[in-house]
Structures are given as structure tokens and as C-alpha cells.
mmCIF file of all heavy atoms, coordinates in Angstrom:
data_MODEL
# 
_entry.id   MODEL 
# 
loop_
_atom_site.group_PDB 
_atom_site.id 
_atom_site.type_symbol 
_atom_site.label_atom_id 
_atom_site.label_alt_id 
_atom_site.label_comp_id 
_atom_site.label_asym_id 
_atom_site.label_entity_id 
_atom_site.label_seq_id 
_atom_site.pdbx_PDB_ins_code 
_atom_site.Cartn_x 
_atom_site.Cartn_y 
_atom_site.Cartn_z 
_atom_site.occupancy 
_atom_site.B_iso_or_equiv 
_atom_site.pdbx_formal_charge 
_atom_site.auth_seq_id 
_atom_site.auth_comp_id 
_atom_site.auth_asym_id 
_atom_site.auth_atom_id 
_atom_site.pdbx_PDB_model_num 
ATOM 1   N N   . ALA A 1 1  ? 0.847   -1.197  0.000  1.00 0.00 ? 1  ALA A N   1 
ATOM 2   C CA  . ALA A 1 1  ? 0.000   0.000   0.000  1.00 0.00 ? 1  ALA A CA  1 
ATOM 3   C C   . ALA A 1 1  ? 0.875   1.237   0.000  1.00 0.00 ? 1  ALA A C   1 
ATOM 4   O O   . ALA A 1 1  ? 2.000   1.221   0.501  1.00 0.00 ? 1  ALA A O   1 
ATOM 5   C CB  . ALA A 1 1  ? -0.913  0.015   1.227  1.00 0.00 ? 1  ALA A CB  1 
ATOM 6   N N   . THR A 1 2  ? 0.341   2.310   -0.585 1.00 0.00 ? 2  THR A N   1 
ATOM 7   C CA  . THR A 1 2  ? 1.028   3.597   -0.558 1.00 0.00 ? 2  THR A CA  1 
ATOM 8   C C   . THR A 1 2  ? 0.045   4.695   -0.188 1.00 0.00 ? 2  THR A C   1 
ATOM 9   O O   . THR A 1 2  ? -1.180  4.553   -0.363 1.00 0.00 ? 2  THR A O   1 
ATOM 10  C CB  . THR A 1 2  ? 1.663   3.952   -1.914 1.00 0.00 ? 2  THR A CB  1 
ATOM 11  O OG1 . THR A 1 2  ? 0.632   4.009   -2.912 1.00 0.00 ? 2  THR A OG1 1 
ATOM 12  C CG2 . THR A 1 2  ? 2.721   2.951   -2.321 1.00 0.00 ? 2  THR A CG2 1 
ATOM 13  N N   . ILE A 1 3  ? 0.605   5.797   0.310  1.00 0.00 ? 3  ILE A N   1 
ATOM 14  C CA  . ILE A 1 3  ? -0.198  6.974   0.623  1.00 0.00 ? 3  ILE A CA  1 
ATOM 15  C C   . ILE A 1 3  ? 0.602   8.205   0.247  1.00 0.00 ? 3  ILE A C   1 
ATOM 16  O O   . ILE A 1 3  ? 1.789   8.309   0.570  1.00 0.00 ? 3  ILE A O   1 
ATOM 17  C CB  . ILE A 1 3  ? -0.622  6.989   2.111  1.00 0.00 ? 3  ILE A CB  1 
ATOM 18  C CG1 . ILE A 1 3  ? -1.565  8.164   2.397  1.00 0.00 ? 3  ILE A CG1 1 
ATOM 19  C CG2 . ILE A 1 3  ? 0.589   7.000   3.040  1.00 0.00 ? 3  ILE A CG2 1 
ATOM 20  C CD1 . ILE A 1 3  ? -2.271  8.056   3.740  1.00 0.00 ? 3  ILE A CD1 1 
ATOM 21  N N   . THR A 1 4  ? -0.039  9.132   -0.457 1.00 0.00 ? 4  THR A N   1 
ATOM 22  C CA  . THR A 1 4  ? 0.652   10.343  -0.889 1.00 0.00 ? 4  THR A CA  1 
ATOM 23  C C   . THR A 1 4  ? 0.588   11.410  0.198  1.00 0.00 ? 4  THR A C   1 
ATOM 24  O O   . THR A 1 4  ? -0.137  11.270  1.195  1.00 0.00 ? 4  THR A O   1 
ATOM 25  C CB  . THR A 1 4  ? 0.025   10.906  -2.166 1.00 0.00 ? 4  THR A CB  1 
ATOM 26  O OG1 . THR A 1 4  ? -1.290  11.405  -1.854 1.00 0.00 ? 4  THR A OG1 1 
ATOM 27  C CG2 . THR A 1 4  ? -0.087  9.844   -3.249 1.00 0.00 ? 4  THR A CG2 1 
ATOM 28  N N   . SER A 1 5  ? 1.331   12.498  -0.049 1.00 0.00 ? 5  SER A N   1 
ATOM 29  C CA  . SER A 1 5  ? 1.311   13.603  0.906  1.00 0.00 ? 5  SER A CA  1 
ATOM 30  C C   . SER A 1 5  ? -0.080  14.225  0.995  1.00 0.00 ? 5  SER A C   1 
ATOM 31  O O   . SER A 1 5  ? -0.440  14.809  2.020  1.00 0.00 ? 5  SER A O   1 
ATOM 32  C CB  . SER A 1 5  ? 2.337   14.659  0.505  1.00 0.00 ? 5  SER A CB  1 
ATOM 33  O OG  . SER A 1 5  ? 2.114   15.089  -0.836 1.00 0.00 ? 5  SER A OG  1 
ATOM 34  N N   . GLY A 1 6  ? -0.879  14.040  -0.055 1.00 0.00 ? 6  GLY A N   1 
ATOM 35  C CA  . GLY A 1 6  ? -2.246  14.564  -0.047 1.00 0.00 ? 6  GLY A CA  1 
ATOM 36  C C   . GLY A 1 6  ? -3.267  13.611  0.518  1.00 0.00 ? 6  GLY A C   1 
ATOM 37  O O   . GLY A 1 6  ? -4.452  13.939  0.622  1.00 0.00 ? 6  GLY A O   1 
ATOM 38  N N   . GLY A 1 7  ? -2.812  12.400  0.865  1.00 0.00 ? 7  GLY A N   1 
ATOM 39  C CA  . GLY A 1 7  ? -3.706  11.436  1.483  1.00 0.00 ? 7  GLY A CA  1 
ATOM 40  C C   . GLY A 1 7  ? -4.312  10.409  0.544  1.00 0.00 ? 7  GLY A C   1 
ATOM 41  O O   . GLY A 1 7  ? -5.090  9.558   0.980  1.00 0.00 ? 7  GLY A O   1 
ATOM 42  N N   . SER A 1 8  ? -3.952  10.450  -0.731 1.00 0.00 ? 8  SER A N   1 
ATOM 43  C CA  . SER A 1 8  ? -4.465  9.448   -1.659 1.00 0.00 ? 8  SER A CA  1 
ATOM 44  C C   . SER A 1 8  ? -3.791  8.105   -1.391 1.00 0.00 ? 8  SER A C   1 
ATOM 45  O O   . SER A 1 8  ? -2.585  8.049   -1.143 1.00 0.00 ? 8  SER A O   1 
ATOM 46  C CB  . SER A 1 8  ? -4.196  9.877   -3.102 1.00 0.00 ? 8  SER A CB  1 
ATOM 47  O OG  . SER A 1 8  ? -4.885  11.065  -3.397 1.00 0.00 ? 8  SER A OG  1 
ATOM 48  N N   . THR A 1 9  ? -4.587  7.047   -1.453 1.00 0.00 ? 9  THR A N   1 
ATOM 49  C CA  . THR A 1 9  ? -4.066  5.717   -1.135 1.00 0.00 ? 9  THR A CA  1 
ATOM 50  C C   . THR A 1 9  ? -4.179  4.772   -2.329 1.00 0.00 ? 9  THR A C   1 
ATOM 51  O O   . THR A 1 9  ? -5.008  4.953   -3.217 1.00 0.00 ? 9  THR A O   1 
ATOM 52  C CB  . THR A 1 9  ? -4.809  5.106   0.055  1.00 0.00 ? 9  THR A CB  1 
ATOM 53  O OG1 . THR A 1 9  ? -6.216  5.042   -0.262 1.00 0.00 ? 9  THR A OG1 1 
ATOM 54  C CG2 . THR A 1 9  ? -4.616  5.937   1.307  1.00 0.00 ? 9  THR A CG2 1 
ATOM 55  N N   . ASN A 1 10 ? -3.322  3.756   -2.292 1.00 0.00 ? 10 ASN A N   1 
ATOM 56  C CA  . ASN A 1 10 ? -3.319  2.733   -3.325 1.00 0.00 ? 10 ASN A CA  1 
ATOM 57  C C   . ASN A 1 10 ? -2.983  1.409   -2.658 1.00 0.00 ? 10 ASN A C   1 
ATOM 58  O O   . ASN A 1 10 ? -2.126  1.367   -1.760 1.00 0.00 ? 10 ASN A O   1 
ATOM 59  C CB  . ASN A 1 10 ? -2.273  3.055   -4.383 1.00 0.00 ? 10 ASN A CB  1 
ATOM 60  C CG  . ASN A 1 10 ? -2.221  2.026   -5.487 1.00 0.00 ? 10 ASN A CG  1 
ATOM 61  O OD1 . ASN A 1 10 ? -3.224  1.750   -6.136 1.00 0.00 ? 10 ASN A OD1 1 
ATOM 62  N ND2 . ASN A 1 10 ? -1.059  1.429   -5.702 1.00 0.00 ? 10 ASN A ND2 1 
ATOM 63  N N   . TYR A 1 11 ? -3.670  0.337   -3.071 1.00 0.00 ? 11 TYR A N   1 
ATOM 64  C CA  . TYR A 1 11 ? -3.487  -0.960  -2.431 1.00 0.00 ? 11 TYR A CA  1 
ATOM 65  C C   . TYR A 1 11 ? -3.268  -2.055  -3.467 1.00 0.00 ? 11 TYR A C   1 
ATOM 66  O O   . TYR A 1 11 ? -3.831  -2.013  -4.566 1.00 0.00 ? 11 TYR A O   1 
ATOM 67  C CB  . TYR A 1 11 ? -4.712  -1.333  -1.598 1.00 0.00 ? 11 TYR A CB  1 
ATOM 68  C CG  . TYR A 1 11 ? -4.980  -0.409  -0.436 1.00 0.00 ? 11 TYR A CG  1 
ATOM 69  C CD1 . TYR A 1 11 ? -5.823  0.679   -0.563 1.00 0.00 ? 11 TYR A CD1 1 
ATOM 70  C CD2 . TYR A 1 11 ? -4.371  -0.627  0.804  1.00 0.00 ? 11 TYR A CD2 1 
ATOM 71  C CE1 . TYR A 1 11 ? -6.066  1.533   0.489  1.00 0.00 ? 11 TYR A CE1 1 
ATOM 72  C CE2 . TYR A 1 11 ? -4.610  0.219   1.873  1.00 0.00 ? 11 TYR A CE2 1 
ATOM 73  C CZ  . TYR A 1 11 ? -5.454  1.298   1.707  1.00 0.00 ? 11 TYR A CZ  1 
ATOM 74  O OH  . TYR A 1 11 ? -5.690  2.142   2.767  1.00 0.00 ? 11 TYR A OH  1 
ATOM 75  N N   . ALA A 1 12 ? -2.500  -3.048  -3.087 1.00 0.00 ? 12 ALA A N   1 
ATOM 76  C CA  . ALA A 1 12 ? -2.420  -4.261  -3.889 1.00 0.00 ? 12 ALA A CA  1 
ATOM 77  C C   . ALA A 1 12 ? -3.772  -4.950  -3.839 1.00 0.00 ? 12 ALA A C   1 
ATOM 78  O O   . ALA A 1 12 ? -4.478  -4.898  -2.828 1.00 0.00 ? 12 ALA A O   1 
ATOM 79  C CB  . ALA A 1 12 ? -1.341  -5.186  -3.328 1.00 0.00 ? 12 ALA A CB  1 
ATOM 80  N N   . ASP A 1 13 ? -4.129  -5.599  -4.933 1.00 0.00 ? 13 ASP A N   1 
ATOM 81  C CA  . ASP A 1 13 ? -5.432  -6.270  -4.993 1.00 0.00 ? 13 ASP A CA  1 
ATOM 82  C C   . ASP A 1 13 ? -5.587  -7.292  -3.878 1.00 0.00 ? 13 ASP A C   1 
ATOM 83  O O   . ASP A 1 13 ? -6.682  -7.488  -3.347 1.00 0.00 ? 13 ASP A O   1 
ATOM 84  C CB  . ASP A 1 13 ? -5.601  -6.959  -6.348 1.00 0.00 ? 13 ASP A CB  1 
ATOM 85  C CG  . ASP A 1 13 ? -5.838  -5.975  -7.480 1.00 0.00 ? 13 ASP A CG  1 
ATOM 86  O OD1 . ASP A 1 13 ? -6.187  -4.804  -7.196 1.00 0.00 ? 13 ASP A OD1 1 
ATOM 87  O OD2 . ASP A 1 13 ? -5.672  -6.366  -8.650 1.00 0.00 ? 13 ASP A OD2 1 
ATOM 88  N N   . SER A 1 14 ? -4.500  -7.920  -3.500 1.00 0.00 ? 14 SER A N   1 
ATOM 89  C CA  . SER A 1 14 ? -4.554  -8.990  -2.513 1.00 0.00 ? 14 SER A CA  1 
ATOM 90  C C   . SER A 1 14 ? -4.904  -8.507  -1.111 1.00 0.00 ? 14 SER A C   1 
ATOM 91  O O   . SER A 1 14 ? -5.282  -9.308  -0.254 1.00 0.00 ? 14 SER A O   1 
ATOM 92  C CB  . SER A 1 14 ? -3.215  -9.737  -2.470 1.00 0.00 ? 14 SER A CB  1 
ATOM 93  O OG  . SER A 1 14 ? -2.163  -8.848  -2.142 1.00 0.00 ? 14 SER A OG  1 
ATOM 94  N N   . VAL A 1 15 ? -4.776  -7.199  -0.860 1.00 0.00 ? 15 VAL A N   1 
ATOM 95  C CA  . VAL A 1 15 ? -5.048  -6.685  0.485  1.00 0.00 ? 15 VAL A CA  1 
ATOM 96  C C   . VAL A 1 15 ? -6.204  -5.697  0.525  1.00 0.00 ? 15 VAL A C   1 
ATOM 97  O O   . VAL A 1 15 ? -6.591  -5.236  1.607  1.00 0.00 ? 15 VAL A O   1 
ATOM 98  C CB  . VAL A 1 15 ? -3.793  -6.023  1.099  1.00 0.00 ? 15 VAL A CB  1 
ATOM 99  C CG1 . VAL A 1 15 ? -2.610  -6.991  1.057  1.00 0.00 ? 15 VAL A CG1 1 
ATOM 100 C CG2 . VAL A 1 15 ? -3.444  -4.714  0.411  1.00 0.00 ? 15 VAL A CG2 1 
ATOM 101 N N   . LYS A 1 16 ? -6.771  -5.361  -0.624 1.00 0.00 ? 16 LYS A N   1 
ATOM 102 C CA  . LYS A 1 16 ? -7.877  -4.403  -0.665 1.00 0.00 ? 16 LYS A CA  1 
ATOM 103 C C   . LYS A 1 16 ? -9.027  -4.880  0.200  1.00 0.00 ? 16 LYS A C   1 
ATOM 104 O O   . LYS A 1 16 ? -9.413  -6.048  0.154  1.00 0.00 ? 16 LYS A O   1 
ATOM 105 C CB  . LYS A 1 16 ? -8.358  -4.209  -2.106 1.00 0.00 ? 16 LYS A CB  1 
ATOM 106 C CG  . LYS A 1 16 ? -7.494  -3.282  -2.933 1.00 0.00 ? 16 LYS A CG  1 
ATOM 107 C CD  . LYS A 1 16 ? -8.059  -3.102  -4.339 1.00 0.00 ? 16 LYS A CD  1 
ATOM 108 C CE  . LYS A 1 16 ? -7.162  -2.188  -5.159 1.00 0.00 ? 16 LYS A CE  1 
ATOM 109 N NZ  . LYS A 1 16 ? -7.648  -2.072  -6.566 1.00 0.00 ? 16 LYS A NZ  1 
ATOM 110 N N   . GLY A 1 17 ? -9.563  -3.957  0.986  1.00 0.00 ? 17 GLY A N   1 
ATOM 111 C CA  . GLY A 1 17 ? -10.678 -4.283  1.864  1.00 0.00 ? 17 GLY A CA  1 
ATOM 112 C C   . GLY A 1 17 ? -10.260 -4.881  3.198  1.00 0.00 ? 17 GLY A C   1 
ATOM 113 O O   . GLY A 1 17 ? -11.091 -5.016  4.103  1.00 0.00 ? 17 GLY A O   1 
ATOM 114 N N   . ARG A 1 18 ? -8.971  -5.235  3.332  1.00 0.00 ? 18 ARG A N   1 
ATOM 115 C CA  . ARG A 1 18 ? -8.484  -5.818  4.589  1.00 0.00 ? 18 ARG A CA  1 
ATOM 116 C C   . ARG A 1 18 ? -7.445  -4.926  5.268  1.00 0.00 ? 18 ARG A C   1 
ATOM 117 O O   . ARG A 1 18 ? -7.390  -4.885  6.497  1.00 0.00 ? 18 ARG A O   1 
ATOM 118 C CB  . ARG A 1 18 ? -7.863  -7.189  4.323  1.00 0.00 ? 18 ARG A CB  1 
ATOM 119 C CG  . ARG A 1 18 ? -8.811  -8.201  3.723  1.00 0.00 ? 18 ARG A CG  1 
ATOM 120 C CD  . ARG A 1 18 ? -8.183  -9.594  3.674  1.00 0.00 ? 18 ARG A CD  1 
ATOM 121 N NE  . ARG A 1 18 ? -6.997  -9.649  2.827  1.00 0.00 ? 18 ARG A NE  1 
ATOM 122 C CZ  . ARG A 1 18 ? -5.803  -10.047 3.253  1.00 0.00 ? 18 ARG A CZ  1 
ATOM 123 N NH1 . ARG A 1 18 ? -5.634  -10.424 4.511  1.00 0.00 ? 18 ARG A NH1 1 
ATOM 124 N NH2 . ARG A 1 18 ? -4.772  -10.087 2.422  1.00 0.00 ? 18 ARG A NH2 1 
ATOM 125 N N   . PHE A 1 19 ? -6.630  -4.251  4.486  1.00 0.00 ? 19 PHE A N   1 
ATOM 126 C CA  . PHE A 1 19 ? -5.559  -3.407  5.028  1.00 0.00 ? 19 PHE A CA  1 
ATOM 127 C C   . PHE A 1 19 ? -5.903  -1.933  4.820  1.00 0.00 ? 19 PHE A C   1 
ATOM 128 O O   . PHE A 1 19 ? -6.531  -1.563  3.817  1.00 0.00 ? 19 PHE A O   1 
ATOM 129 C CB  . PHE A 1 19 ? -4.235  -3.702  4.331  1.00 0.00 ? 19 PHE A CB  1 
ATOM 130 C CG  . PHE A 1 19 ? -3.637  -5.040  4.627  1.00 0.00 ? 19 PHE A CG  1 
ATOM 131 C CD1 . PHE A 1 19 ? -4.320  -6.031  5.302  1.00 0.00 ? 19 PHE A CD1 1 
ATOM 132 C CD2 . PHE A 1 19 ? -2.331  -5.322  4.217  1.00 0.00 ? 19 PHE A CD2 1 
ATOM 133 C CE1 . PHE A 1 19 ? -3.756  -7.270  5.571  1.00 0.00 ? 19 PHE A CE1 1 
ATOM 134 C CE2 . PHE A 1 19 ? -1.738  -6.549  4.467  1.00 0.00 ? 19 PHE A CE2 1 
ATOM 135 C CZ  . PHE A 1 19 ? -2.464  -7.526  5.134  1.00 0.00 ? 19 PHE A CZ  1 
ATOM 136 N N   . THR A 1 20 ? -5.444  -1.097  5.746  1.00 0.00 ? 20 THR A N   1 
ATOM 137 C CA  . THR A 1 20 ? -5.631  0.343   5.628  1.00 0.00 ? 20 THR A CA  1 
ATOM 138 C C   . THR A 1 20 ? -4.330  1.052   5.974  1.00 0.00 ? 20 THR A C   1 
ATOM 139 O O   . THR A 1 20 ? -3.774  0.831   7.060  1.00 0.00 ? 20 THR A O   1 
ATOM 140 C CB  . THR A 1 20 ? -6.739  0.853   6.557  1.00 0.00 ? 20 THR A CB  1 
ATOM 141 O OG1 . THR A 1 20 ? -7.965  0.166   6.263  1.00 0.00 ? 20 THR A OG1 1 
ATOM 142 C CG2 . THR A 1 20 ? -6.952  2.347   6.370  1.00 0.00 ? 20 THR A CG2 1 
ATOM 143 N N   . ILE A 1 21 ? -3.870  1.899   5.056  1.00 0.00 ? 21 ILE A N   1 
ATOM 144 C CA  . ILE A 1 21 ? -2.671  2.689   5.314  1.00 0.00 ? 21 ILE A CA  1 
ATOM 145 C C   . ILE A 1 21 ? -3.096  4.096   5.720  1.00 0.00 ? 21 ILE A C   1 
ATOM 146 O O   . ILE A 1 21 ? -4.088  4.629   5.217  1.00 0.00 ? 21 ILE A O   1 
ATOM 147 C CB  . ILE A 1 21 ? -1.757  2.735   4.065  1.00 0.00 ? 21 ILE A CB  1 
ATOM 148 C CG1 . ILE A 1 21 ? -0.421  3.405   4.398  1.00 0.00 ? 21 ILE A CG1 1 
ATOM 149 C CG2 . ILE A 1 21 ? -2.448  3.417   2.891  1.00 0.00 ? 21 ILE A CG2 1 
ATOM 150 C CD1 . ILE A 1 21 ? 0.615   3.296   3.271  1.00 0.00 ? 21 ILE A CD1 1 
ATOM 151 N N   . SER A 1 22 ? -2.351  4.679   6.657  1.00 0.00 ? 22 SER A N   1 
ATOM 152 C CA  . SER A 1 22 ? -2.636  6.039   7.089  1.00 0.00 ? 22 SER A CA  1 
ATOM 153 C C   . SER A 1 22 ? -1.323  6.707   7.503  1.00 0.00 ? 22 SER A C   1 
ATOM 154 O O   . SER A 1 22 ? -0.325  6.024   7.738  1.00 0.00 ? 22 SER A O   1 
ATOM 155 C CB  . SER A 1 22 ? -3.631  6.057   8.247  1.00 0.00 ? 22 SER A CB  1 
ATOM 156 O OG  . SER A 1 22 ? -3.122  5.355   9.370  1.00 0.00 ? 22 SER A OG  1 
ATOM 157 N N   . ARG A 1 23 ? -1.334  8.024   7.557  1.00 0.00 ? 23 ARG A N   1 
ATOM 158 C CA  . ARG A 1 23 ? -0.135  8.743   7.977  1.00 0.00 ? 23 ARG A CA  1 
ATOM 159 C C   . ARG A 1 23 ? -0.519  9.844   8.941  1.00 0.00 ? 23 ARG A C   1 
ATOM 160 O O   . ARG A 1 23 ? -1.559  10.484  8.786  1.00 0.00 ? 23 ARG A O   1 
ATOM 161 C CB  . ARG A 1 23 ? 0.631   9.300   6.778  1.00 0.00 ? 23 ARG A CB  1 
ATOM 162 C CG  . ARG A 1 23 ? -0.108  10.308  5.920  1.00 0.00 ? 23 ARG A CG  1 
ATOM 163 C CD  . ARG A 1 23 ? 0.614   10.565  4.604  1.00 0.00 ? 23 ARG A CD  1 
ATOM 164 N NE  . ARG A 1 23 ? 1.841   11.353  4.747  1.00 0.00 ? 23 ARG A NE  1 
ATOM 165 C CZ  . ARG A 1 23 ? 2.725   11.529  3.777  1.00 0.00 ? 23 ARG A CZ  1 
ATOM 166 N NH1 . ARG A 1 23 ? 2.545   10.958  2.597  1.00 0.00 ? 23 ARG A NH1 1 
ATOM 167 N NH2 . ARG A 1 23 ? 3.806   12.264  3.977  1.00 0.00 ? 23 ARG A NH2 1 
ATOM 168 N N   . ASP A 1 24 ? 0.328   10.050  9.941  1.00 0.00 ? 24 ASP A N   1 
ATOM 169 C CA  . ASP A 1 24 ? 0.152   11.116  10.909 1.00 0.00 ? 24 ASP A CA  1 
ATOM 170 C C   . ASP A 1 24 ? 1.385   12.003  10.788 1.00 0.00 ? 24 ASP A C   1 
ATOM 171 O O   . ASP A 1 24 ? 2.436   11.706  11.368 1.00 0.00 ? 24 ASP A O   1 
ATOM 172 C CB  . ASP A 1 24 ? 0.014   10.537  12.316 1.00 0.00 ? 24 ASP A CB  1 
ATOM 173 C CG  . ASP A 1 24 ? -0.318  11.591  13.359 1.00 0.00 ? 24 ASP A CG  1 
ATOM 174 O OD1 . ASP A 1 24 ? 0.010   12.781  13.130 1.00 0.00 ? 24 ASP A OD1 1 
ATOM 175 O OD2 . ASP A 1 24 ? -0.885  11.232  14.399 1.00 0.00 ? 24 ASP A OD2 1 
ATOM 176 N N   . ASN A 1 25 ? 1.259   13.073  10.036 1.00 0.00 ? 25 ASN A N   1 
ATOM 177 C CA  . ASN A 1 25 ? 2.408   13.952  9.796  1.00 0.00 ? 25 ASN A CA  1 
ATOM 178 C C   . ASN A 1 25 ? 2.920   14.578  11.092 1.00 0.00 ? 25 ASN A C   1 
ATOM 179 O O   . ASN A 1 25 ? 4.123   14.815  11.230 1.00 0.00 ? 25 ASN A O   1 
ATOM 180 C CB  . ASN A 1 25 ? 2.052   15.035  8.781  1.00 0.00 ? 25 ASN A CB  1 
ATOM 181 C CG  . ASN A 1 25 ? 1.863   14.480  7.375  1.00 0.00 ? 25 ASN A CG  1 
ATOM 182 O OD1 . ASN A 1 25 ? 2.375   13.397  7.044  1.00 0.00 ? 25 ASN A OD1 1 
ATOM 183 N ND2 . ASN A 1 25 ? 1.126   15.193  6.553  1.00 0.00 ? 25 ASN A ND2 1 
# 
């Protein structure tokens, strides 16, 4: 998974719906 500085996220198909990425600047 990735998360941009603007908060947009991207996930591998294998983890979609199960994993969540987040960032606390």
C-alpha cells in the first residue's frame, strides 16, 4: 500500500478491503 502527501491511497489487490494505510504527519 502507498499513501501520498495529499492522502491518496493505493493498495495491492490482494489486500484491498483488509488493510488500511494512514499517515500522521
